[in-house]
C-alpha atoms as a PDB file:
ATOM      1  CA  UNK A   1      75.282 125.108  85.014  1.00  0.00           C
ATOM      2  CA  UNK A   2      78.073 122.946  83.665  1.00  0.00           C
ATOM      3  CA  UNK A   3      79.632 120.304  85.888  1.00  0.00           C
ATOM      4  CA  UNK A   4      83.293 121.029  86.700  1.00  0.00           C
ATOM      5  CA  UNK A   5      85.625 118.904  84.645  1.00  0.00           C
ATOM      6  CA  UNK A   6      88.238 116.718  86.260  1.00  0.00           C
ATOM      7  CA  UNK A   7      91.667 118.276  86.180  1.00  0.00           C
ATOM      8  CA  UNK A   8      94.230 116.889  83.787  1.00  0.00           C
ATOM      9  CA  UNK A   9      96.520 115.971  86.672  1.00  0.00           C
ATOM     10  CA  UNK A  10      93.758 114.000  88.384  1.00  0.00           C
ATOM     11  CA  UNK A  11      92.998 111.986  85.250  1.00  0.00           C
ATOM     12  CA  UNK A  12      96.709 111.435  84.597  1.00  0.00           C
ATOM     13  CA  UNK A  13      97.206 110.250  88.153  1.00  0.00           C
ATOM     14  CA  UNK A  14      94.367 107.752  87.863  1.00  0.00           C
ATOM     15  CA  UNK A  15      95.685 106.433  84.574  1.00  0.00           C
ATOM     16  CA  UNK A  16      99.177 106.067  86.021  1.00  0.00           C
ATOM     17  CA  UNK A  17      97.788 104.170  89.013  1.00  0.00           C
ATOM     18  CA  UNK A  18      95.842 101.761  86.842  1.00  0.00           C
ATOM     19  CA  UNK A  19      98.808 101.345  84.492  1.00  0.00           C
ATOM     20  CA  UNK A  20     100.852  99.997  87.397  1.00  0.00           C
ATOM     21  CA  UNK A  21      98.396  97.147  87.763  1.00  0.00           C
ATOM     22  CA  UNK A  22      97.213  96.407  84.210  1.00  0.00           C
ATOM     23  CA  UNK A  23      99.227  94.963  81.363  1.00  0.00           C
ATOM     24  CA  UNK A  24      96.855  96.089  78.625  1.00  0.00           C
ATOM     25  CA  UNK A  25      97.577  98.143  75.539  1.00  0.00           C
ATOM     26  CA  UNK A  26      94.921 100.842  75.878  1.00  0.00           C
ATOM     27  CA  UNK A  27      96.474 102.294  79.037  1.00  0.00           C
ATOM     28  CA  UNK A  28      99.765 103.042  77.341  1.00  0.00           C
ATOM     29  CA  UNK A  29      97.931 104.525  74.373  1.00  0.00           C
ATOM     30  CA  UNK A  30      95.738 106.736  76.534  1.00  0.00           C
ATOM     31  CA  UNK A  31      98.725 107.908  78.544  1.00  0.00           C
ATOM     32  CA  UNK A  32     100.571 108.789  75.326  1.00  0.00           C
ATOM     33  CA  UNK A  33      97.549 110.744  74.105  1.00  0.00           C
ATOM     34  CA  UNK A  34      97.233 112.571  77.416  1.00  0.00           C
ATOM     35  CA  UNK A  35     100.956 113.307  77.521  1.00  0.00           C
ATOM     36  CA  UNK A  36     100.975 114.779  74.013  1.00  0.00           C
ATOM     37  CA  UNK A  37      97.938 116.936  74.756  1.00  0.00           C
ATOM     38  CA  UNK A  38      98.783 118.143  78.232  1.00  0.00           C
ATOM     39  CA  UNK A  39     102.549 117.961  78.495  1.00  0.00           C
ATOM     40  CA  UNK A  40     104.770 115.467  80.253  1.00  0.00           C
ATOM     41  CA  UNK A  41     103.261 112.879  82.523  1.00  0.00           C
ATOM     42  CA  UNK A  42     105.566 110.685  84.527  1.00  0.00           C
ATOM     43  CA  UNK A  43     104.766 107.192  85.746  1.00  0.00           C
ATOM     44  CA  UNK A  44     106.742 104.512  87.461  1.00  0.00           C
ATOM     45  CA  UNK A  45     109.351 102.753  85.334  1.00  0.00           C
ATOM     46  CA  UNK A  46     107.595 101.505  82.201  1.00  0.00           C
ATOM     47  CA  UNK A  47     109.647  98.333  82.333  1.00  0.00           C
ATOM     48  CA  UNK A  48     107.402  97.240  85.209  1.00  0.00           C
ATOM     49  CA  UNK A  49     104.748  96.377  82.611  1.00  0.00           C
ATOM     50  CA  UNK A  50     106.914  93.693  81.069  1.00  0.00           C
ATOM     51  CA  UNK A  51     108.170  92.033  84.218  1.00  0.00           C
ATOM     52  CA  UNK A  52     107.198  88.409  84.298  1.00  0.00           C
ATOM     53  CA  UNK A  53     105.146  86.866  87.094  1.00  0.00           C
ATOM     54  CA  UNK A  54     108.175  85.342  88.813  1.00  0.00           C
ATOM     55  CA  UNK A  55     109.453  88.824  89.644  1.00  0.00           C
ATOM     56  CA  UNK A  56     106.317  89.613  91.636  1.00  0.00           C
ATOM     57  CA  UNK A  57     107.508  87.455  94.500  1.00  0.00           C
ATOM     58  CA  UNK A  58     110.836  89.322  94.634  1.00  0.00           C
ATOM     59  CA  UNK A  59     109.388  92.771  95.311  1.00  0.00           C
ATOM     60  CA  UNK A  60     106.832  94.401  97.531  1.00  0.00           C
ATOM     61  CA  UNK A  61     103.492  95.102  95.937  1.00  0.00           C
ATOM     62  CA  UNK A  62     103.069  98.635  94.563  1.00  0.00           C
ATOM     63  CA  UNK A  63     101.101 100.890  96.874  1.00  0.00           C
ATOM     64  CA  UNK A  64      98.421 101.234  94.195  1.00  0.00           C
ATOM     65  CA  UNK A  65      97.785  97.479  94.464  1.00  0.00           C
ATOM     66  CA  UNK A  66      97.303  97.404  98.240  1.00  0.00           C
ATOM     67  CA  UNK A  67      93.582  96.729  98.504  1.00  0.00           C
ATOM     68  CA  UNK A  68      91.827  95.167 101.473  1.00  0.00           C
ATOM     69  CA  UNK A  69      89.036  92.914 100.237  1.00  0.00           C
ATOM     70  CA  UNK A  70      85.858  91.660 101.910  1.00  0.00           C
ATOM     71  CA  UNK A  71      83.731  88.543 101.484  1.00  0.00           C
ATOM     72  CA  UNK A  72      80.557  90.499 100.698  1.00  0.00           C
ATOM     73  CA  UNK A  73      79.297  90.506  97.120  1.00  0.00           C
ATOM     74  CA  UNK A  74      80.054  93.707  95.171  1.00  0.00           C
ATOM     75  CA  UNK A  75      77.305  96.314  94.885  1.00  0.00           C
ATOM     76  CA  UNK A  76      76.957  95.838  91.133  1.00  0.00           C
ATOM     77  CA  UNK A  77      75.735  92.963  88.927  1.00  0.00           C
ATOM     78  CA  UNK A  78      78.256  90.269  88.023  1.00  0.00           C
ATOM     79  CA  UNK A  79      78.555  89.100  84.422  1.00  0.00           C
ATOM     80  CA  UNK A  80      80.465  86.399  82.576  1.00  0.00           C
ATOM     81  CA  UNK A  81      81.612  83.884  85.225  1.00  0.00           C
ATOM     82  CA  UNK A  82      79.130  81.059  84.689  1.00  0.00           C
ATOM     83  CA  UNK A  83      81.656  78.334  83.816  1.00  0.00           C
ATOM     84  CA  UNK A  84      84.144  79.403  86.490  1.00  0.00           C
ATOM     85  CA  UNK A  85      81.442  79.415  89.189  1.00  0.00           C
ATOM     86  CA  UNK A  86      80.376  75.907  88.175  1.00  0.00           C
ATOM     87  CA  UNK A  87      84.006  74.746  88.332  1.00  0.00           C
ATOM     88  CA  UNK A  88      84.504  76.182  91.813  1.00  0.00           C
ATOM     89  CA  UNK A  89      81.217  74.792  93.114  1.00  0.00           C
ATOM     90  CA  UNK A  90      82.203  71.404  91.754  1.00  0.00           C
ATOM     91  CA  UNK A  91      85.541  71.685  93.587  1.00  0.00           C
ATOM     92  CA  UNK A  92      83.755  72.519  96.836  1.00  0.00           C
ATOM     93  CA  UNK A  93      80.656  70.336  96.633  1.00  0.00           C
ATOM     94  CA  UNK A  94      81.607  67.231  94.632  1.00  0.00           C
ATOM     95  CA  UNK A  95      81.986  64.377  97.096  1.00  0.00           C
ATOM     96  CA  UNK A  96      81.072  66.875  99.789  1.00  0.00           C
ATOM     97  CA  UNK A  97      81.157  64.106 102.377  1.00  0.00           C
ATOM     98  CA  UNK A  98      84.811  63.394 101.586  1.00  0.00           C
ATOM     99  CA  UNK A  99      87.235  63.962 104.459  1.00  0.00           C
ATOM    100  CA  UNK A 100      90.135  64.781 102.134  1.00  0.00           C
ATOM    101  CA  UNK A 101      91.841  68.165 102.582  1.00  0.00           C
ATOM    102  CA  UNK A 102      92.111  70.084  99.305  1.00  0.00           C
ATOM    103  CA  UNK A 103      93.644  73.326  98.077  1.00  0.00           C
ATOM    104  CA  UNK A 104      93.059  75.379  94.938  1.00  0.00           C
ATOM    105  CA  UNK A 105      94.877  78.402  93.497  1.00  0.00           C
ATOM    106  CA  UNK A 106      93.051  80.884  91.266  1.00  0.00           C
ATOM    107  CA  UNK A 107      95.645  82.819  89.281  1.00  0.00           C
ATOM    108  CA  UNK A 108      95.403  85.623  86.742  1.00  0.00           C
ATOM    109  CA  UNK A 109      96.183  89.244  85.973  1.00  0.00           C
ATOM    110  CA  UNK A 110      94.949  92.125  88.061  1.00  0.00           C
ATOM    111  CA  UNK A 111      91.323  92.948  87.344  1.00  0.00           C
ATOM    112  CA  UNK A 112      90.246  89.675  85.683  1.00  0.00           C
ATOM    113  CA  UNK A 113      87.843  88.894  88.535  1.00  0.00           C
ATOM    114  CA  UNK A 114      89.608  86.487  90.927  1.00  0.00           C
ATOM    115  CA  UNK A 115      88.210  88.181  94.043  1.00  0.00           C
ATOM    116  CA  UNK A 116      84.734  88.583  92.533  1.00  0.00           C
ATOM    117  CA  UNK A 117      84.621  84.912  91.554  1.00  0.00           C
ATOM    118  CA  UNK A 118      85.514  83.873  95.104  1.00  0.00           C
ATOM    119  CA  UNK A 119      82.911  86.253  96.555  1.00  0.00           C
ATOM    120  CA  UNK A 120      80.185  84.666  94.409  1.00  0.00           C
ATOM    121  CA  UNK A 121      81.033  81.142  95.551  1.00  0.00           C
ATOM    122  CA  UNK A 122      81.743  82.161  99.164  1.00  0.00           C
ATOM    123  CA  UNK A 123      78.170  83.495  99.415  1.00  0.00           C
ATOM    124  CA  UNK A 124      76.510  80.598  97.580  1.00  0.00           C
ATOM    125  CA  UNK A 125      73.783  78.966  99.687  1.00  0.00           C
ATOM    126  CA  UNK A 126      74.916  75.396  98.908  1.00  0.00           C
ATOM    127  CA  UNK A 127      78.469  76.270  99.940  1.00  0.00           C
ATOM    128  CA  UNK A 128      77.233  77.919 103.136  1.00  0.00           C
ATOM    129  CA  UNK A 129      75.420  74.725 104.101  1.00  0.00           C
ATOM    130  CA  UNK A 130      78.405  72.511 103.316  1.00  0.00           C
ATOM    131  CA  UNK A 131      81.125  74.448 105.176  1.00  0.00           C
ATOM    132  CA  UNK A 132      81.350  75.813 108.686  1.00  0.00           C
ATOM    133  CA  UNK A 133      83.259  77.923 109.404  1.00  0.00           C
ATOM    134  CA  UNK A 134      83.834  79.907 106.205  1.00  0.00           C
ATOM    135  CA  UNK A 135      86.655  82.424 106.594  1.00  0.00           C
ATOM    136  CA  UNK A 136      87.706  85.209 104.237  1.00  0.00           C
ATOM    137  CA  UNK A 137      91.233  86.560 104.639  1.00  0.00           C
ATOM    138  CA  UNK A 138      92.465  89.591 102.721  1.00  0.00           C
ATOM    139  CA  UNK A 139      96.211  89.065 102.575  1.00  0.00           C
ATOM    140  CA  UNK A 140      96.666  92.825 102.734  1.00  0.00           C
ATOM    141  CA  UNK A 141      95.205  94.519 105.798  1.00  0.00           C
ATOM    142  CA  UNK A 142      95.530  98.061 107.060  1.00  0.00           C
ATOM    143  CA  UNK A 143      95.571  96.647 110.589  1.00  0.00           C
ATOM    144  CA  UNK A 144      98.892  94.854 110.084  1.00  0.00           C
ATOM    145  CA  UNK A 145     101.619  96.440 112.175  1.00  0.00           C
ATOM    146  CA  UNK A 146     104.647  97.630 110.213  1.00  0.00           C
ATOM    147  CA  UNK A 147     107.154  95.378 111.988  1.00  0.00           C
ATOM    148  CA  UNK A 148     104.850  92.369 112.294  1.00  0.00           C
ATOM    149  CA  UNK A 149     105.838  89.082 110.679  1.00  0.00           C
ATOM    150  CA  UNK A 150     103.604  88.656 107.569  1.00  0.00           C
ATOM    151  CA  UNK A 151     102.831  85.006 108.286  1.00  0.00           C
ATOM    152  CA  UNK A 152     101.959  85.720 111.911  1.00  0.00           C
ATOM    153  CA  UNK A 153      99.709  88.600 110.842  1.00  0.00           C
ATOM    154  CA  UNK A 154      97.697  86.336 108.517  1.00  0.00           C
ATOM    155  CA  UNK A 155      97.318  83.527 111.065  1.00  0.00           C
ATOM    156  CA  UNK A 156      96.157  86.039 113.666  1.00  0.00           C
ATOM    157  CA  UNK A 157      93.489  87.345 111.283  1.00  0.00           C
ATOM    158  CA  UNK A 158      92.190  83.801 110.773  1.00  0.00           C
ATOM    159  CA  UNK A 159      92.118  83.247 114.534  1.00  0.00           C
ATOM    160  CA  UNK A 160      90.146  86.465 115.047  1.00  0.00           C
ATOM    161  CA  UNK A 161      87.617  85.250 112.476  1.00  0.00           C
ATOM    162  CA  UNK A 162      87.258  82.094 114.585  1.00  0.00           C
ATOM    163  CA  UNK A 163      86.420  84.171 117.637  1.00  0.00           C
ATOM    164  CA  UNK A 164      89.822  84.167 119.366  1.00  0.00           C
ATOM    165  CA  UNK A 165      90.075  87.422 121.313  1.00  0.00           C
ATOM    166  CA  UNK A 166      92.997  89.833 121.130  1.00  0.00           C
ATOM    167  CA  UNK A 167      93.776  89.209 124.789  1.00  0.00           C
ATOM    168  CA  UNK A 168      94.526  85.560 124.022  1.00  0.00           C
ATOM    169  CA  UNK A 169      96.655  86.533 121.010  1.00  0.00           C
ATOM    170  CA  UNK A 170      98.686  88.889 123.196  1.00  0.00           C
ATOM    171  CA  UNK A 171      99.096  86.105 125.762  1.00  0.00           C
ATOM    172  CA  UNK A 172     100.486  83.735 123.104  1.00  0.00           C
ATOM    173  CA  UNK A 173     103.029  86.341 122.032  1.00  0.00           C
ATOM    174  CA  UNK A 174     104.034  87.147 125.616  1.00  0.00           C
ATOM    175  CA  UNK A 175     104.402  83.459 126.430  1.00  0.00           C
ATOM    176  CA  UNK A 176     106.797  82.975 123.510  1.00  0.00           C
ATOM    177  CA  UNK A 177     108.886  85.991 124.556  1.00  0.00           C
ATOM    178  CA  UNK A 178     109.073  84.858 128.180  1.00  0.00           C
ATOM    179  CA  UNK A 179     110.112  81.315 127.249  1.00  0.00           C
ATOM    180  CA  UNK A 180     112.906  82.608 125.044  1.00  0.00           C
ATOM    181  CA  UNK A 181     114.080  85.040 127.720  1.00  0.00           C
ATOM    182  CA  UNK A 182     114.109  82.410 130.476  1.00  0.00           C
ATOM    183  CA  UNK A 183     116.135  79.989 128.360  1.00  0.00           C
ATOM    184  CA  UNK A 184     118.627  82.713 127.485  1.00  0.00           C
ATOM    185  CA  UNK A 185     119.019  83.592 131.148  1.00  0.00           C
ATOM    186  CA  UNK A 186     119.562  79.918 132.000  1.00  0.00           C
ATOM    187  CA  UNK A 187     122.276  79.735 129.359  1.00  0.00           C
ATOM    188  CA  UNK A 188     120.404  77.154 127.309  1.00  0.00           C
ATOM    189  CA  UNK A 189     121.309  77.229 123.647  1.00  0.00           C
ATOM    190  CA  UNK A 190     118.319  77.448 121.344  1.00  0.00           C
ATOM    191  CA  UNK A 191     118.263  78.246 117.651  1.00  0.00           C
ATOM    192  CA  UNK A 192     114.536  78.992 117.490  1.00  0.00           C
ATOM    193  CA  UNK A 193     113.839  82.730 117.455  1.00  0.00           C
ATOM    194  CA  UNK A 194     111.058  84.500 119.310  1.00  0.00           C
ATOM    195  CA  UNK A 195     109.113  84.956 116.078  1.00  0.00           C
ATOM    196  CA  UNK A 196     109.442  81.266 115.243  1.00  0.00           C
ATOM    197  CA  UNK A 197     108.163  80.366 118.714  1.00  0.00           C
ATOM    198  CA  UNK A 198     105.321  82.822 118.305  1.00  0.00           C
ATOM    199  CA  UNK A 199     104.392  81.491 114.855  1.00  0.00           C
ATOM    200  CA  UNK A 200     104.421  77.871 115.994  1.00  0.00           C
ATOM    201  CA  UNK A 201     102.083  78.738 118.879  1.00  0.00           C
ATOM    202  CA  UNK A 202      99.683  80.623 116.637  1.00  0.00           C
ATOM    203  CA  UNK A 203      99.650  77.719 114.166  1.00  0.00           C
ATOM    204  CA  UNK A 204      98.936  75.312 117.006  1.00  0.00           C
ATOM    205  CA  UNK A 205      96.080  77.541 118.161  1.00  0.00           C
ATOM    206  CA  UNK A 206      94.714  77.624 114.606  1.00  0.00           C
ATOM    207  CA  UNK A 207      94.952  73.858 114.296  1.00  0.00           C
ATOM    208  CA  UNK A 208      93.163  73.429 117.629  1.00  0.00           C
ATOM    209  CA  UNK A 209      90.333  75.767 116.626  1.00  0.00           C
ATOM    210  CA  UNK A 210      89.802  74.082 113.254  1.00  0.00           C
ATOM    211  CA  UNK A 211      90.226  70.423 114.165  1.00  0.00           C
ATOM    212  CA  UNK A 212      87.096  68.389 113.628  1.00  0.00           C
ATOM    213  CA  UNK A 213      85.487  71.122 111.498  1.00  0.00           C
ATOM    214  CA  UNK A 214      84.724  71.181 107.792  1.00  0.00           C
ATOM    215  CA  UNK A 215      86.171  74.604 107.127  1.00  0.00           C
ATOM    216  CA  UNK A 216      86.532  76.730 104.010  1.00  0.00           C
ATOM    217  CA  UNK A 217      89.181  79.466 103.919  1.00  0.00           C
ATOM    218  CA  UNK A 218      89.834  81.991 101.151  1.00  0.00           C
ATOM    219  CA  UNK A 219      93.255  83.663 101.152  1.00  0.00           C
ATOM    220  CA  UNK A 220      92.741  86.547  98.751  1.00  0.00           C
ATOM    221  CA  UNK A 221      95.552  88.185  96.755  1.00  0.00           C
ATOM    222  CA  UNK A 222      98.677  86.369  97.924  1.00  0.00           C
ATOM    223  CA  UNK A 223     101.935  88.204  97.146  1.00  0.00           C
ATOM    224  CA  UNK A 224     105.544  87.333  97.719  1.00  0.00           C
ATOM    225  CA  UNK A 225     105.771  89.923 100.480  1.00  0.00           C
ATOM    226  CA  UNK A 226     103.295  87.839 102.524  1.00  0.00           C
ATOM    227  CA  UNK A 227     106.043  85.186 102.719  1.00  0.00           C
ATOM    228  CA  UNK A 228     103.216  82.688 102.310  1.00  0.00           C
ATOM    229  CA  UNK A 229     104.982  80.296  99.944  1.00  0.00           C
ATOM    230  CA  UNK A 230     104.833  76.897 101.644  1.00  0.00           C
ATOM    231  CA  UNK A 231     102.731  74.062 100.290  1.00  0.00           C
ATOM    232  CA  UNK A 232      99.591  73.842 102.395  1.00  0.00           C
ATOM    233  CA  UNK A 233      98.786  70.143 101.979  1.00  0.00           C
ATOM    234  CA  UNK A 234     102.045  68.935 103.521  1.00  0.00           C
ATOM    235  CA  UNK A 235     101.584  66.527 106.423  1.00  0.00           C
ATOM    236  CA  UNK A 236     105.051  66.533 107.925  1.00  0.00           C
ATOM    237  CA  UNK A 237     105.261  65.403 111.554  1.00  0.00           C
ATOM    238  CA  UNK A 238     108.882  66.409 112.071  1.00  0.00           C
ATOM    239  CA  UNK A 239     109.387  68.608 115.129  1.00  0.00           C
ATOM    240  CA  UNK A 240     111.578  71.034 113.195  1.00  0.00           C
ATOM    241  CA  UNK A 241     108.655  71.723 110.840  1.00  0.00           C
ATOM    242  CA  UNK A 242     106.271  73.081 113.495  1.00  0.00           C
ATOM    243  CA  UNK A 243     106.448  76.537 111.899  1.00  0.00           C
ATOM    244  CA  UNK A 244     105.356  75.121 108.539  1.00  0.00           C
ATOM    245  CA  UNK A 245     102.105  76.843 107.514  1.00  0.00           C
ATOM    246  CA  UNK A 246     100.507  73.492 106.741  1.00  0.00           C
ATOM    247  CA  UNK A 247     100.527  72.756 110.473  1.00  0.00           C
ATOM    248  CA  UNK A 248      97.705  75.227 111.002  1.00  0.00           C
ATOM    249  CA  UNK A 249      95.267  73.386 108.731  1.00  0.00           C
ATOM    250  CA  UNK A 250      93.985  70.060 110.121  1.00  0.00           C
ATOM    251  CA  UNK A 251      93.751  67.279 107.561  1.00  0.00           C
ATOM    252  CA  UNK A 252      91.102  64.592 107.354  1.00  0.00           C
ATOM    253  CA  UNK A 253      87.952  66.671 107.986  1.00  0.00           C
ATOM    254  CA  UNK A 254      87.114  67.826 104.465  1.00  0.00           C
ATOM    255  CA  UNK A 255      88.647  71.289 104.788  1.00  0.00           C
ATOM    256  CA  UNK A 256      89.216  73.461 101.717  1.00  0.00           C
ATOM    257  CA  UNK A 257      91.624  76.374 101.213  1.00  0.00           C
ATOM    258  CA  UNK A 258      91.383  78.614  98.136  1.00  0.00           C
ATOM    259  CA  UNK A 259      94.151  81.106  97.376  1.00  0.00           C
ATOM    260  CA  UNK A 260      94.128  83.833  94.724  1.00  0.00           C
ATOM    261  CA  UNK A 261      97.290  85.327  93.299  1.00  0.00           C
ATOM    262  CA  UNK A 262      98.589  87.307  90.320  1.00  0.00           C
ATOM    263  CA  UNK A 263     101.770  85.223  90.486  1.00  0.00           C
ATOM    264  CA  UNK A 264     101.116  81.809  88.937  1.00  0.00           C
ATOM    265  CA  UNK A 265     104.442  80.424  90.126  1.00  0.00           C
ATOM    266  CA  UNK A 266     103.655  81.384  93.719  1.00  0.00           C
ATOM    267  CA  UNK A 267     100.097  80.053  93.544  1.00  0.00           C
ATOM    268  CA  UNK A 268     101.290  76.713  92.228  1.00  0.00           C
ATOM    269  CA  UNK A 269     103.939  76.495  94.937  1.00  0.00           C
ATOM    270  CA  UNK A 270     101.252  76.879  97.603  1.00  0.00           C
ATOM    271  CA  UNK A 271      98.847  74.252  96.204  1.00  0.00           C
ATOM    272  CA  UNK A 272     101.502  71.917  94.886  1.00  0.00           C
ATOM    273  CA  UNK A 273      99.969  70.340  91.794  1.00  0.00           C
ATOM    274  CA  UNK A 274      99.106  71.605  88.314  1.00  0.00           C
ATOM    275  CA  UNK A 275      95.607  70.129  88.663  1.00  0.00           C
ATOM    276  CA  UNK A 276      95.038  72.404  91.661  1.00  0.00           C
ATOM    277  CA  UNK A 277      95.491  75.606  89.623  1.00  0.00           C
ATOM    278  CA  UNK A 278      92.612  77.479  87.978  1.00  0.00           C
ATOM    279  CA  UNK A 279      93.808  80.099  85.485  1.00  0.00           C
ATOM    280  CA  UNK A 280      91.391  82.978  85.121  1.00  0.00           C
ATOM    281  CA  UNK A 281      91.683  84.750  81.779  1.00  0.00           C
ATOM    282  CA  UNK A 282      90.161  87.996  80.467  1.00  0.00           C
ATOM    283  CA  UNK A 283      86.602  87.702  79.151  1.00  0.00           C
ATOM    284  CA  UNK A 284      86.267  86.569  75.528  1.00  0.00           C
ATOM    285  CA  UNK A 285      82.549  87.378  75.383  1.00  0.00           C
ATOM    286  CA  UNK A 286      82.030  90.932  74.104  1.00  0.00           C
ATOM    287  CA  UNK A 287      78.439  90.957  75.348  1.00  0.00           C
ATOM    288  CA  UNK A 288      79.379  90.363  78.991  1.00  0.00           C
ATOM    289  CA  UNK A 289      82.107  93.040  78.812  1.00  0.00           C
ATOM    290  CA  UNK A 290      79.551  95.453  77.364  1.00  0.00           C
ATOM    291  CA  UNK A 291      77.162  94.644  80.256  1.00  0.00           C
ATOM    292  CA  UNK A 292      79.938  95.293  82.781  1.00  0.00           C
ATOM    293  CA  UNK A 293      80.668  98.618  81.112  1.00  0.00           C
ATOM    294  CA  UNK A 294      76.980  99.584  80.944  1.00  0.00           C
ATOM    295  CA  UNK A 295      76.466  98.862  84.647  1.00  0.00           C
ATOM    296  CA  UNK A 296      79.459 101.003  85.545  1.00  0.00           C
ATOM    297  CA  UNK A 297      78.211 103.919  83.416  1.00  0.00           C
ATOM    298  CA  UNK A 298      75.045 103.811  85.495  1.00  0.00           C
ATOM    299  CA  UNK A 299      72.510 104.194  82.700  1.00  0.00           C
ATOM    300  CA  UNK A 300      70.847 101.875  80.156  1.00  0.00           C
ATOM    301  CA  UNK A 301      73.122 101.564  77.143  1.00  0.00           C
ATOM    302  CA  UNK A 302      71.990 101.305  73.537  1.00  0.00           C
ATOM    303  CA  UNK A 303      74.038 101.153  70.397  1.00  0.00           C
ATOM    304  CA  UNK A 304      73.286 102.397  66.917  1.00  0.00           C
ATOM    305  CA  UNK A 305      71.233  99.628  65.276  1.00  0.00           C
ATOM    306  CA  UNK A 306      73.120 100.222  62.033  1.00  0.00           C
ATOM    307  CA  UNK A 307      76.386  99.195  63.728  1.00  0.00           C
ATOM    308  CA  UNK A 308      75.317  96.686  66.442  1.00  0.00           C
ATOM    309  CA  UNK A 309      78.758  95.227  67.052  1.00  0.00           C
ATOM    310  CA  UNK A 310      80.964  98.217  66.463  1.00  0.00           C
ATOM    311  CA  UNK A 311      81.054  99.763  69.916  1.00  0.00           C
ATOM    312  CA  UNK A 312      81.088  96.426  71.743  1.00  0.00           C
ATOM    313  CA  UNK A 313      84.123  95.320  69.741  1.00  0.00           C
ATOM    314  CA  UNK A 314      85.803  98.678  70.340  1.00  0.00           C
ATOM    315  CA  UNK A 315      85.271  98.190  74.067  1.00  0.00           C
ATOM    316  CA  UNK A 316      86.755  94.687  73.880  1.00  0.00           C
ATOM    317  CA  UNK A 317      89.808  96.064  72.073  1.00  0.00           C
ATOM    318  CA  UNK A 318      90.340  98.799  74.657  1.00  0.00           C
ATOM    319  CA  UNK A 319      89.708  96.722  77.760  1.00  0.00           C
ATOM    320  CA  UNK A 320      91.279  93.481  76.452  1.00  0.00           C
ATOM    321  CA  UNK A 321      88.340  91.734  78.087  1.00  0.00           C
ATOM    322  CA  UNK A 322      89.494  92.667  81.612  1.00  0.00           C
ATOM    323  CA  UNK A 323      86.347  93.396  83.700  1.00  0.00           C
ATOM    324  CA  UNK A 324      87.995  96.005  85.912  1.00  0.00           C
ATOM    325  CA  UNK A 325      89.437  97.747  82.864  1.00  0.00           C
ATOM    326  CA  UNK A 326      85.941  97.934  81.372  1.00  0.00           C
ATOM    327  CA  UNK A 327      84.608  99.458  84.590  1.00  0.00           C
ATOM    328  CA  UNK A 328      87.438 101.990  84.740  1.00  0.00           C
ATOM    329  CA  UNK A 329      86.849 102.931  81.096  1.00  0.00           C
ATOM    330  CA  UNK A 330      83.260 103.730  82.063  1.00  0.00           C
ATOM    331  CA  UNK A 331      84.602 106.220  84.601  1.00  0.00           C
ATOM    332  CA  UNK A 332      87.373 107.698  82.457  1.00  0.00           C
ATOM    333  CA  UNK A 333      85.588 108.000  79.132  1.00  0.00           C
ATOM    334  CA  UNK A 334      81.860 107.247  79.542  1.00  0.00           C
ATOM    335  CA  UNK A 335      79.742 107.272  76.408  1.00  0.00           C
ATOM    336  CA  UNK A 336      76.344 108.884  75.995  1.00  0.00           C
ATOM    337  CA  UNK A 337      73.833 107.235  73.742  1.00  0.00           C
ATOM    338  CA  UNK A 338      70.853 108.869  72.111  1.00  0.00           C
ATOM    339  CA  UNK A 339      67.767 107.014  73.335  1.00  0.00           C
ATOM    340  CA  UNK A 340      66.399 107.049  69.786  1.00  0.00           C
ATOM    341  CA  UNK A 341      69.313 104.889  68.678  1.00  0.00           C
ATOM    342  CA  UNK A 342      71.543 107.671  67.475  1.00  0.00           C
ATOM    343  CA  UNK A 343      75.305 107.690  67.399  1.00  0.00           C
ATOM    344  CA  UNK A 344      77.361 107.140  70.535  1.00  0.00           C
ATOM    345  CA  UNK A 345      79.142 110.258  71.787  1.00  0.00           C
ATOM    346  CA  UNK A 346      82.265 110.274  73.941  1.00  0.00           C
END
């Protein structure tokens, strides 16, 4: 009995979703092919593909890009990040007894492997021994309340990871509201808003829970709508700056904060210096992209021995070396290979 084929609308919808996130040529080509074969297919404004990275911070992330990540390693083999892993481990472990606070931004297009790279290093045994606590924060979370301040939401998630209970978080918020109300009733003029009071208290709580500890924190997939755009290694002592995000991270204990972002400008603003930015590019190794694709297909892959590089190069051309694009190609147009070394069929 034949397996039911995916409907045209379902495939079109998946392609349109991916197209929102990728800036690679094969998506536009495949959408054009699908449109000509099956009629019109609408997507979001095509001009979104050509928007530069600076525009990311001026708009909310597309719904298709709202993904909550976890620190656990993915359930598939990881290929092609040897040099990047060594760089990150060097950042974390070189002079591991140093008490200097450091930040690093990993920037690159959607799907190049920023989250996966961090997951590999986050779960490395040497890193586990060097840092305690290690905290993973997905900057997007389904648990965030719609009217909640983005910065407060992130700090609260870090505090929960440190074992601070929700009851204490509610108490901090209530305390800020009551202080503001009592001052208003007393006729005292105060420019600080309730949310600013709340944020400053949460940052103080974070600082208190991290002080004296050699911590490692990953802030995964920072967008402009997180409003997380303040340099984290600032050490300002001015009272007016108590809502500065840097206040939550104690300095002088060897702490490390790694942020990932698709917006290079935003990532650099957070870490401050060019030397603190790691640019992650698409894979240039056709063999590793082929391995990623083969794993996603779910079966051993062979190519015709008469044309050993043909299909691997074709895959590189279609995926542009983007690991997630290679995995999605395996789902959208998987190939079947004759075990005897025959031609590849699509």
